[in-house]
């Protein structure tokens, strides 16, 4: 499985493989990965806002 397929499954965009093993620990691991991925995306968006949009607003 490729990394993009894994990310899409974490974010519930793509359905997971029904033949894949599924137990409680794997569910917890995927949940933590989902949270960390969303926090990373939010942090990147905040950094872009601080680096790009705020300097433009201060000049104008």
Protein backbone atom coordinates (compact mmCIF):
# COMPACT_ATOMS: atom_id res chain seq x y z
CA UNK A 1 0.00 0.00 0.00
CA UNK A 2 1.34 3.40 -0.95
CA UNK A 3 1.66 6.32 1.40
CA UNK A 4 -1.02 8.33 -0.45
CA UNK A 5 -3.52 5.49 -0.09
CA UNK A 6 -2.72 5.33 3.62
CA UNK A 7 -3.29 9.08 4.05
CA UNK A 8 -6.58 8.91 2.16
CA UNK A 9 -7.71 6.06 4.41
CA UNK A 10 -6.73 8.00 7.55
CA UNK A 11 -8.87 10.92 6.45
CA UNK A 12 -11.80 8.66 5.48
CA UNK A 13 -11.53 9.73 1.83
CA UNK A 14 -10.84 6.21 0.61
CA UNK A 15 -12.27 2.97 1.97
CA UNK A 16 -9.83 0.60 3.62
CA UNK A 17 -9.05 -2.87 2.32
CA UNK A 18 -11.57 -5.33 3.85
CA UNK A 19 -8.92 -8.10 3.92
CA UNK A 20 -6.60 -5.98 6.07
CA UNK A 21 -6.29 -7.14 9.71
CA UNK A 22 -8.16 -4.91 12.15
CA UNK A 23 -7.82 -4.99 15.91
CA UNK A 24 -8.10 -2.46 18.73
CA UNK A 25 -4.43 -1.46 18.68
CA UNK A 26 -4.48 -0.80 14.95
CA UNK A 27 -7.62 1.34 15.39
CA UNK A 28 -5.87 3.38 18.09
CA UNK A 29 -2.74 3.72 15.96
CA UNK A 30 -4.74 4.96 12.97
CA UNK A 31 -6.63 7.37 15.21
CA UNK A 32 -3.40 8.88 16.56
CA UNK A 33 -1.96 9.10 13.04
CA UNK A 34 -5.14 10.85 11.86
CA UNK A 35 -4.91 13.39 14.69
CA UNK A 36 -1.20 14.08 14.07
CA UNK A 37 -1.76 14.46 10.33
CA UNK A 38 -4.58 16.96 10.87
CA UNK A 39 -2.49 18.91 13.40
CA UNK A 40 0.37 19.06 10.87
CA UNK A 41 -1.94 20.39 8.16
CA UNK A 42 -3.33 23.04 10.53
CA UNK A 43 0.22 24.07 11.53
CA UNK A 44 1.27 24.43 7.89
CA UNK A 45 -1.80 26.59 7.18
CA UNK A 46 -1.04 28.81 10.20
CA UNK A 47 2.59 29.18 9.10
CA UNK A 48 1.50 30.16 5.58
CA UNK A 49 -0.87 32.75 6.99
CA UNK A 50 1.86 34.24 9.17
CA UNK A 51 4.47 34.26 6.41
CA UNK A 52 2.36 35.36 3.45
CA UNK A 53 -0.89 37.06 4.40
CA UNK A 54 0.06 39.03 7.52
CA UNK A 55 3.04 40.83 5.91
CA UNK A 56 0.80 41.82 2.99
CA UNK A 57 -1.79 43.25 5.39
CA UNK A 58 0.81 45.28 7.28
CA UNK A 59 2.12 46.94 4.09
CA UNK A 60 -1.34 47.87 2.83
